[in-house]
Amino acid sequence: MLKLSCQRALRSPFCAPYGYLGLSSRHTHNLQVPSSRPPSYDTITRRFSLHPNPHSFFARKSQQQARDRGEFVDIHDIGGPDPHGYDVLITDVDEKTLRSEIAEIVGVPYLGKSTESDANAVVRVGHGYLFGRNIRTIFPCVVSCQDMARWVFFIVDSGAPLTYLSTQASELLGIPEDVPTPVKIAGYHHTVFMSPHKSHFSDLNILGVDFYNAYNVNAWHDYRNQKAKLYFGRQWEVAMTPKL
C-alpha cells in the first residue's frame, strides 16, 4: 500500500540535475566540515544528512584550492552536463521493438498522434511496465511541442543526466539536433535534446534524472507483476500491510 503526502515540491523544470555546482565566492573554511565517525551505517546516514552534504563540501573545497593555486577552472566542469557526454548501449530495445512488442502491450501506437485532451493533461501518476529480461522501465506518455503532440515511449534511465527524444520523434516534433528544446512531457514543461546521431541510442527516448529532479518524481516497481508507476511532485513511502 502506498501512502502519499500532499507536500508539493516547487522546482524549476530547467534546473540542472543534482544541483550542479557553480563557482562560489565563499571560502571553504566558512562551510561546515562533514563530521568523522567510526565506520558504520549510522556514520553514513549522519554524513549525508548534513548541510551542505559531503559532495557539495568537497567539490567547493577542490574549486577553492584550484583558485588559490592560480589554476584555471573549466566552466564545463562546473556547469550542466554535455548532451554528447552520455551514451548507452541498449541491445534489447530499438525502434522496431517500440512499434511492435511495446506498442502492443501499451495499447497505443508508438509516435501516434495524441488527442488535444491527452496533450493538455497533467499526469499525477504515470503508469508503465517493466520490459524484457533486462527489466527496462517503459513510461508511455504524450510529448507535445508547440501544436504537435505524439505518444512517446520512454526508457527510464537513472544514469542519464538529460532527457532525450529519438531522431524519429524529434523529426516529427520539429526538434533540431544539438539544440535544447522546450516541450511538454506528460503535461510538464521540460527541455529535451535529440538523441545524438552517433550515439548507441539514437532511435530511443531516454527519460533522465533531470526530469526526475525537476518534478520530484518517485518511481514504484512491482517486479513480480512487471508494473511500474511514476509519482509526480509528492513524497511517498511504502507501508507494509500485514496479511490476516
C-alpha atoms as a PDB file:
ATOM      1  CA  MET A   1       0.000   0.000   0.000  1.00  0.00           C
ATOM      2  CA  LEU A   2       1.292   3.417  -0.915  1.00  0.00           C
ATOM      3  CA  LYS A   3       0.913   6.442   1.323  1.00  0.00           C
ATOM      4  CA  LEU A   4       1.127   9.798  -0.422  1.00  0.00           C
ATOM      5  CA  SER A   5       1.569  13.099   1.351  1.00  0.00           C
ATOM      6  CA  CYS A   6       0.272  16.305  -0.172  1.00  0.00           C
ATOM      7  CA  GLN A   7       3.554  18.166   0.059  1.00  0.00           C
ATOM      8  CA  ARG A   8       4.369  19.556  -3.392  1.00  0.00           C
ATOM      9  CA  ALA A   9       7.916  20.228  -4.480  1.00  0.00           C
ATOM     10  CA  LEU A  10       8.319  23.556  -6.276  1.00  0.00           C
ATOM     11  CA  ARG A  11      11.337  23.338  -8.529  1.00  0.00           C
ATOM     12  CA  SER A  12      12.333  24.895 -11.797  1.00  0.00           C
ATOM     13  CA  PRO A  13      11.817  22.465 -14.692  1.00  0.00           C
ATOM     14  CA  PHE A  14      15.069  23.695 -16.182  1.00  0.00           C
ATOM     15  CA  CYS A  15      17.282  23.232 -13.110  1.00  0.00           C
ATOM     16  CA  ALA A  16      20.359  21.075 -13.532  1.00  0.00           C
ATOM     17  CA  PRO A  17      20.215  17.570 -12.030  1.00  0.00           C
ATOM     18  CA  TYR A  18      21.786  17.025  -8.642  1.00  0.00           C
ATOM     19  CA  GLY A  19      22.211  20.776  -8.207  1.00  0.00           C
ATOM     20  CA  TYR A  20      25.351  21.181 -10.306  1.00  0.00           C
ATOM     21  CA  LEU A  21      27.768  23.428  -8.513  1.00  0.00           C
ATOM     22  CA  GLY A  22      28.945  26.753  -9.777  1.00  0.00           C
ATOM     23  CA  LEU A  23      31.869  28.822  -8.567  1.00  0.00           C
ATOM     24  CA  SER A  24      31.216  30.268  -5.159  1.00  0.00           C
ATOM     25  CA  SER A  25      32.763  33.375  -3.691  1.00  0.00           C
ATOM     26  CA  ARG A  26      32.639  31.813  -0.226  1.00  0.00           C
ATOM     27  CA  HIS A  27      35.781  30.222   1.109  1.00  0.00           C
ATOM     28  CA  THR A  28      35.617  26.626   2.144  1.00  0.00           C
ATOM     29  CA  HIS A  29      36.550  27.438   5.731  1.00  0.00           C
ATOM     30  CA  ASN A  30      33.095  29.045   6.053  1.00  0.00           C
ATOM     31  CA  LEU A  31      31.449  25.701   5.279  1.00  0.00           C
ATOM     32  CA  GLN A  32      30.620  23.120   7.894  1.00  0.00           C
ATOM     33  CA  VAL A  33      33.156  20.315   7.704  1.00  0.00           C
ATOM     34  CA  PRO A  34      31.485  16.871   7.475  1.00  0.00           C
ATOM     35  CA  SER A  35      31.948  15.049  10.748  1.00  0.00           C
ATOM     36  CA  SER A  36      34.165  11.986  11.010  1.00  0.00           C
ATOM     37  CA  ARG A  37      32.943   8.974  12.962  1.00  0.00           C
ATOM     38  CA  PRO A  38      33.830   5.296  13.235  1.00  0.00           C
ATOM     39  CA  PRO A  39      32.802   3.343  10.106  1.00  0.00           C
ATOM     40  CA  SER A  40      29.158   2.257  10.371  1.00  0.00           C
ATOM     41  CA  TYR A  41      25.785   2.645   8.668  1.00  0.00           C
ATOM     42  CA  ASP A  42      24.965   5.305  11.250  1.00  0.00           C
ATOM     43  CA  THR A  43      28.024   7.285  10.151  1.00  0.00           C
ATOM     44  CA  ILE A  44      26.904   7.200   6.515  1.00  0.00           C
ATOM     45  CA  THR A  45      23.350   8.215   7.443  1.00  0.00           C
ATOM     46  CA  ARG A  46      24.548  11.141   9.554  1.00  0.00           C
ATOM     47  CA  ARG A  47      27.100  12.274   6.985  1.00  0.00           C
ATOM     48  CA  PHE A  48      24.579  12.566   4.149  1.00  0.00           C
ATOM     49  CA  SER A  49      22.027  14.232   6.420  1.00  0.00           C
ATOM     50  CA  LEU A  50      24.289  17.256   6.876  1.00  0.00           C
ATOM     51  CA  HIS A  51      24.033  20.563   5.059  1.00  0.00           C
ATOM     52  CA  PRO A  52      25.967  21.016   2.939  1.00  0.00           C
ATOM     53  CA  ASN A  53      26.379  17.352   2.126  1.00  0.00           C
ATOM     54  CA  PRO A  54      29.899  15.932   1.678  1.00  0.00           C
ATOM     55  CA  HIS A  55      29.634  16.054  -2.116  1.00  0.00           C
ATOM     56  CA  SER A  56      28.994  19.802  -2.090  1.00  0.00           C
ATOM     57  CA  PHE A  57      31.649  20.459   0.547  1.00  0.00           C
ATOM     58  CA  PHE A  58      34.489  18.650  -1.189  1.00  0.00           C
ATOM     59  CA  ALA A  59      33.530  19.953  -4.647  1.00  0.00           C
ATOM     60  CA  ARG A  60      33.682  23.547  -3.387  1.00  0.00           C
ATOM     61  CA  LYS A  61      36.861  22.785  -1.481  1.00  0.00           C
ATOM     62  CA  SER A  62      38.515  21.460  -4.640  1.00  0.00           C
ATOM     63  CA  GLN A  63      37.436  24.540  -6.626  1.00  0.00           C
ATOM     64  CA  GLN A  64      38.732  26.891  -3.947  1.00  0.00           C
ATOM     65  CA  GLN A  65      42.083  25.103  -3.746  1.00  0.00           C
ATOM     66  CA  ALA A  66      42.442  25.320  -7.530  1.00  0.00           C
ATOM     67  CA  ARG A  67      41.755  29.065  -7.466  1.00  0.00           C
ATOM     68  CA  ASP A  68      44.215  29.548  -4.582  1.00  0.00           C
ATOM     69  CA  ARG A  69      46.897  27.843  -6.696  1.00  0.00           C
ATOM     70  CA  GLY A  70      46.029  30.114  -9.614  1.00  0.00           C
ATOM     71  CA  GLU A  71      44.817  27.220 -11.727  1.00  0.00           C
ATOM     72  CA  PHE A  72      42.208  27.534 -14.459  1.00  0.00           C
ATOM     73  CA  VAL A  73      38.800  26.090 -13.624  1.00  0.00           C
ATOM     74  CA  ASP A  74      36.939  24.951 -16.718  1.00  0.00           C
ATOM     75  CA  ILE A  75      33.355  26.209 -16.599  1.00  0.00           C
ATOM     76  CA  HIS A  76      32.275  22.997 -18.350  1.00  0.00           C
ATOM     77  CA  ASP A  77      33.403  21.055 -15.296  1.00  0.00           C
ATOM     78  CA  ILE A  78      31.074  23.001 -13.012  1.00  0.00           C
ATOM     79  CA  GLY A  79      28.103  23.614 -15.281  1.00  0.00           C
ATOM     80  CA  GLY A  80      25.387  21.342 -16.623  1.00  0.00           C
ATOM     81  CA  PRO A  81      26.064  18.080 -18.437  1.00  0.00           C
ATOM     82  CA  ASP A  82      27.102  17.879 -22.086  1.00  0.00           C
ATOM     83  CA  PRO A  83      24.344  16.215 -24.172  1.00  0.00           C
ATOM     84  CA  HIS A  84      27.083  14.363 -26.064  1.00  0.00           C
ATOM     85  CA  GLY A  85      28.789  13.262 -22.862  1.00  0.00           C
ATOM     86  CA  TYR A  86      26.306  10.437 -22.266  1.00  0.00           C
ATOM     87  CA  ASP A  87      25.918   7.221 -24.220  1.00  0.00           C
ATOM     88  CA  VAL A  88      24.344   3.866 -23.501  1.00  0.00           C
ATOM     89  CA  LEU A  89      24.076   0.621 -25.448  1.00  0.00           C
ATOM     90  CA  ILE A  90      20.617  -0.912 -25.122  1.00  0.00           C
ATOM     91  CA  THR A  91      20.572  -4.070 -27.182  1.00  0.00           C
ATOM     92  CA  ASP A  92      17.077  -5.348 -26.417  1.00  0.00           C
ATOM     93  CA  VAL A  93      15.062  -2.284 -27.480  1.00  0.00           C
ATOM     94  CA  ASP A  94      15.060  -0.452 -30.812  1.00  0.00           C
ATOM     95  CA  GLU A  95      12.531   1.416 -32.933  1.00  0.00           C
ATOM     96  CA  LYS A  96      11.082  -1.856 -34.255  1.00  0.00           C
ATOM     97  CA  THR A  97      10.558  -3.108 -30.694  1.00  0.00           C
ATOM     98  CA  LEU A  98       8.889   0.160 -29.711  1.00  0.00           C
ATOM     99  CA  ARG A  99       6.483  -0.043 -32.661  1.00  0.00           C
ATOM    100  CA  SER A 100       5.645  -3.729 -32.204  1.00  0.00           C
ATOM    101  CA  GLU A 101       6.072  -5.538 -28.865  1.00  0.00           C
ATOM    102  CA  ILE A 102       5.951  -2.488 -26.605  1.00  0.00           C
ATOM    103  CA  ALA A 103       3.148  -0.746 -28.526  1.00  0.00           C
ATOM    104  CA  GLU A 104       1.074  -3.933 -28.337  1.00  0.00           C
ATOM    105  CA  ILE A 105       1.422  -4.088 -24.557  1.00  0.00           C
ATOM    106  CA  VAL A 106       0.878  -0.349 -24.019  1.00  0.00           C
ATOM    107  CA  GLY A 107      -2.188  -0.330 -26.258  1.00  0.00           C
ATOM    108  CA  VAL A 108      -1.379   2.842 -28.211  1.00  0.00           C
ATOM    109  CA  PRO A 109       0.660   3.221 -31.415  1.00  0.00           C
ATOM    110  CA  TYR A 110       4.221   4.434 -30.950  1.00  0.00           C
ATOM    111  CA  LEU A 111       4.567   8.054 -32.136  1.00  0.00           C
ATOM    112  CA  GLY A 112       0.867   8.093 -32.915  1.00  0.00           C
ATOM    113  CA  LYS A 113      -0.941  11.427 -32.789  1.00  0.00           C
ATOM    114  CA  SER A 114      -2.415  12.428 -29.456  1.00  0.00           C
ATOM    115  CA  THR A 115      -5.806  13.939 -28.817  1.00  0.00           C
ATOM    116  CA  GLU A 116      -5.922  17.527 -27.601  1.00  0.00           C
ATOM    117  CA  SER A 117      -7.235  16.467 -24.194  1.00  0.00           C
ATOM    118  CA  ASP A 118      -4.358  13.998 -23.667  1.00  0.00           C
ATOM    119  CA  ALA A 119      -1.843  16.596 -24.850  1.00  0.00           C
ATOM    120  CA  ASN A 120      -3.111  19.079 -22.241  1.00  0.00           C
ATOM    121  CA  ALA A 121      -3.472  16.559 -19.421  1.00  0.00           C
ATOM    122  CA  VAL A 122      -1.066  16.851 -16.465  1.00  0.00           C
ATOM    123  CA  VAL A 123      -0.268  13.336 -15.262  1.00  0.00           C
ATOM    124  CA  ARG A 124      -0.164  12.887 -11.489  1.00  0.00           C
ATOM    125  CA  VAL A 125       0.554   9.159 -11.509  1.00  0.00           C
ATOM    126  CA  GLY A 126       2.156   7.725 -14.631  1.00  0.00           C
ATOM    127  CA  HIS A 127       1.617   4.069 -15.448  1.00  0.00           C
ATOM    128  CA  GLY A 128       4.278   1.966 -17.125  1.00  0.00           C
ATOM    129  CA  TYR A 129       5.694  -1.512 -17.096  1.00  0.00           C
ATOM    130  CA  LEU A 130       8.928  -3.490 -16.957  1.00  0.00           C
ATOM    131  CA  PHE A 131      10.043  -4.827 -20.314  1.00  0.00           C
ATOM    132  CA  GLY A 132      12.138  -7.867 -21.083  1.00  0.00           C
ATOM    133  CA  ARG A 133      14.809  -9.808 -19.272  1.00  0.00           C
ATOM    134  CA  ASN A 134      16.804  -6.659 -18.635  1.00  0.00           C
ATOM    135  CA  ILE A 135      13.831  -5.128 -16.801  1.00  0.00           C
ATOM    136  CA  ARG A 136      13.637  -1.837 -18.691  1.00  0.00           C
ATOM    137  CA  THR A 137      11.165   0.622 -17.191  1.00  0.00           C
ATOM    138  CA  ILE A 138       8.920   1.819 -20.013  1.00  0.00           C
ATOM    139  CA  PHE A 139       6.919   5.000 -19.463  1.00  0.00           C
ATOM    140  CA  PRO A 140       4.392   5.863 -22.217  1.00  0.00           C
ATOM    141  CA  CYS A 141       3.194   9.458 -22.324  1.00  0.00           C
ATOM    142  CA  VAL A 142       2.356  12.340 -24.616  1.00  0.00           C
ATOM    143  CA  VAL A 143       5.125  14.704 -25.657  1.00  0.00           C
ATOM    144  CA  SER A 144       3.993  17.975 -27.218  1.00  0.00           C
ATOM    145  CA  CYS A 145       5.931  20.731 -28.911  1.00  0.00           C
ATOM    146  CA  GLN A 146       4.011  23.831 -29.998  1.00  0.00           C
ATOM    147  CA  ASP A 147       0.955  22.481 -31.842  1.00  0.00           C
ATOM    148  CA  MET A 148       2.236  18.928 -32.321  1.00  0.00           C
ATOM    149  CA  ALA A 149       1.697  16.063 -29.875  1.00  0.00           C
ATOM    150  CA  ARG A 150       2.759  12.430 -30.129  1.00  0.00           C
ATOM    151  CA  TRP A 151       2.725   9.302 -27.979  1.00  0.00           C
ATOM    152  CA  VAL A 152       6.290   8.576 -26.921  1.00  0.00           C
ATOM    153  CA  PHE A 153       7.608   5.530 -25.071  1.00  0.00           C
ATOM    154  CA  PHE A 154      10.462   6.484 -22.761  1.00  0.00           C
ATOM    155  CA  ILE A 155      13.059   4.190 -21.282  1.00  0.00           C
ATOM    156  CA  VAL A 156      13.631   5.452 -17.739  1.00  0.00           C
ATOM    157  CA  ASP A 157      17.371   5.616 -17.123  1.00  0.00           C
ATOM    158  CA  SER A 158      18.639   6.786 -13.748  1.00  0.00           C
ATOM    159  CA  GLY A 159      22.128   7.028 -15.241  1.00  0.00           C
ATOM    160  CA  ALA A 160      21.145   9.587 -17.881  1.00  0.00           C
ATOM    161  CA  PRO A 161      21.763  13.192 -16.791  1.00  0.00           C
ATOM    162  CA  LEU A 162      19.483  14.597 -19.506  1.00  0.00           C
ATOM    163  CA  THR A 163      16.266  13.669 -21.298  1.00  0.00           C
ATOM    164  CA  TYR A 164      16.430  12.707 -24.968  1.00  0.00           C
ATOM    165  CA  LEU A 165      13.960  12.113 -27.784  1.00  0.00           C
ATOM    166  CA  SER A 166      14.814   9.709 -30.580  1.00  0.00           C
ATOM    167  CA  THR A 167      15.704  11.055 -34.003  1.00  0.00           C
ATOM    168  CA  GLN A 168      12.339   9.813 -35.299  1.00  0.00           C
ATOM    169  CA  ALA A 169      10.352  11.503 -32.517  1.00  0.00           C
ATOM    170  CA  SER A 170      12.432  14.667 -32.823  1.00  0.00           C
ATOM    171  CA  GLU A 171      11.792  14.927 -36.547  1.00  0.00           C
ATOM    172  CA  LEU A 172       8.040  14.541 -36.048  1.00  0.00           C
ATOM    173  CA  LEU A 173       8.004  17.203 -33.312  1.00  0.00           C
ATOM    174  CA  GLY A 174      10.367  19.588 -35.075  1.00  0.00           C
ATOM    175  CA  ILE A 175      13.223  19.290 -32.576  1.00  0.00           C
ATOM    176  CA  PRO A 176      16.628  20.176 -34.078  1.00  0.00           C
ATOM    177  CA  GLU A 177      19.862  18.400 -33.261  1.00  0.00           C
ATOM    178  CA  ASP A 178      22.138  19.845 -30.552  1.00  0.00           C
ATOM    179  CA  VAL A 179      19.561  22.463 -29.543  1.00  0.00           C
ATOM    180  CA  PRO A 180      17.873  22.285 -26.114  1.00  0.00           C
ATOM    181  CA  THR A 181      14.183  22.475 -26.950  1.00  0.00           C
ATOM    182  CA  PRO A 182      11.257  23.139 -24.581  1.00  0.00           C
ATOM    183  CA  VAL A 183       8.471  20.579 -24.773  1.00  0.00           C
ATOM    184  CA  LYS A 184       5.775  19.161 -22.520  1.00  0.00           C
ATOM    185  CA  ILE A 185       6.229  15.628 -21.198  1.00  0.00           C
ATOM    186  CA  ALA A 186       3.083  14.158 -19.641  1.00  0.00           C
ATOM    187  CA  GLY A 187       1.888  17.748 -19.220  1.00  0.00           C
ATOM    188  CA  TYR A 188       5.121  19.070 -17.608  1.00  0.00           C
ATOM    189  CA  HIS A 189       7.329  21.689 -19.237  1.00  0.00           C
ATOM    190  CA  HIS A 190      10.841  20.404 -19.763  1.00  0.00           C
ATOM    191  CA  THR A 191      13.855  20.838 -22.020  1.00  0.00           C
ATOM    192  CA  VAL A 192      14.952  17.898 -24.168  1.00  0.00           C
ATOM    193  CA  PHE A 193      17.657  17.056 -26.670  1.00  0.00           C
ATOM    194  CA  MET A 194      17.570  14.963 -29.805  1.00  0.00           C
ATOM    195  CA  SER A 195      19.360  11.668 -29.229  1.00  0.00           C
ATOM    196  CA  PRO A 196      22.741  12.183 -30.947  1.00  0.00           C
ATOM    197  CA  HIS A 197      23.001  10.510 -34.357  1.00  0.00           C
ATOM    198  CA  LYS A 198      26.367   8.967 -33.481  1.00  0.00           C
ATOM    199  CA  SER A 199      25.205   7.579 -30.140  1.00  0.00           C
ATOM    200  CA  HIS A 200      24.106   3.995 -29.477  1.00  0.00           C
ATOM    201  CA  PHE A 201      20.585   5.158 -28.540  1.00  0.00           C
ATOM    202  CA  SER A 202      19.709   7.401 -31.495  1.00  0.00           C
ATOM    203  CA  ASP A 203      16.399   5.583 -32.047  1.00  0.00           C
ATOM    204  CA  LEU A 204      15.404   5.572 -28.352  1.00  0.00           C
ATOM    205  CA  ASN A 205      13.753   8.027 -25.975  1.00  0.00           C
ATOM    206  CA  ILE A 206      15.511   8.388 -22.626  1.00  0.00           C
ATOM    207  CA  LEU A 207      13.871   9.893 -19.542  1.00  0.00           C
ATOM    208  CA  GLY A 208      16.752  11.206 -17.467  1.00  0.00           C
ATOM    209  CA  VAL A 209      17.280  12.313 -13.894  1.00  0.00           C
ATOM    210  CA  ASP A 210      16.939  15.980 -14.887  1.00  0.00           C
ATOM    211  CA  PHE A 211      13.212  15.342 -15.333  1.00  0.00           C
ATOM    212  CA  TYR A 212      13.021  13.395 -12.065  1.00  0.00           C
ATOM    213  CA  ASN A 213      14.793  16.222 -10.259  1.00  0.00           C
ATOM    214  CA  ALA A 214      12.657  18.972 -11.764  1.00  0.00           C
ATOM    215  CA  TYR A 215       9.341  17.394 -10.749  1.00  0.00           C
ATOM    216  CA  ASN A 216      10.326  15.339  -7.715  1.00  0.00           C
ATOM    217  CA  VAL A 217       9.373  12.101  -9.462  1.00  0.00           C
ATOM    218  CA  ASN A 218       9.364   8.933  -7.400  1.00  0.00           C
ATOM    219  CA  ALA A 219       9.237   5.517  -9.035  1.00  0.00           C
ATOM    220  CA  TRP A 220       7.489   2.414  -7.746  1.00  0.00           C
ATOM    221  CA  HIS A 221       8.130  -1.027  -9.241  1.00  0.00           C
ATOM    222  CA  ASP A 222       6.214  -4.257  -8.892  1.00  0.00           C
ATOM    223  CA  TYR A 223       8.791  -6.721 -10.202  1.00  0.00           C
ATOM    224  CA  ARG A 224       6.593  -9.754  -9.728  1.00  0.00           C
ATOM    225  CA  ASN A 225       3.827  -8.366 -11.941  1.00  0.00           C
ATOM    226  CA  GLN A 226       6.147  -6.258 -14.151  1.00  0.00           C
ATOM    227  CA  LYS A 227       4.384  -2.999 -13.391  1.00  0.00           C
ATOM    228  CA  ALA A 228       5.771   0.479 -12.756  1.00  0.00           C
ATOM    229  CA  LYS A 229       4.344   3.805 -11.585  1.00  0.00           C
ATOM    230  CA  LEU A 230       5.812   7.295 -11.534  1.00  0.00           C
ATOM    231  CA  TYR A 231       4.524   9.651  -8.838  1.00  0.00           C
ATOM    232  CA  PHE A 232       4.911  13.333  -9.670  1.00  0.00           C
ATOM    233  CA  GLY A 233       5.608  16.090  -7.174  1.00  0.00           C
ATOM    234  CA  ARG A 234       4.824  14.179  -3.996  1.00  0.00           C
ATOM    235  CA  GLN A 235       6.565  12.489  -1.120  1.00  0.00           C
ATOM    236  CA  TRP A 236       5.569   8.845  -0.782  1.00  0.00           C
ATOM    237  CA  GLU A 237       6.566   5.775   1.122  1.00  0.00           C
ATOM    238  CA  VAL A 238       5.729   2.093   1.014  1.00  0.00           C
ATOM    239  CA  ALA A 239       3.795   0.815   4.032  1.00  0.00           C
ATOM    240  CA  MET A 240       3.569  -2.888   4.679  1.00  0.00           C
ATOM    241  CA  THR A 241       0.064  -4.191   5.309  1.00  0.00           C
ATOM    242  CA  PRO A 242       0.066  -7.420   7.381  1.00  0.00           C
ATOM    243  CA  LYS A 243      -1.854 -10.329   5.958  1.00  0.00           C
ATOM    244  CA  LEU A 244      -4.542 -11.899   8.120  1.00  0.00           C
END
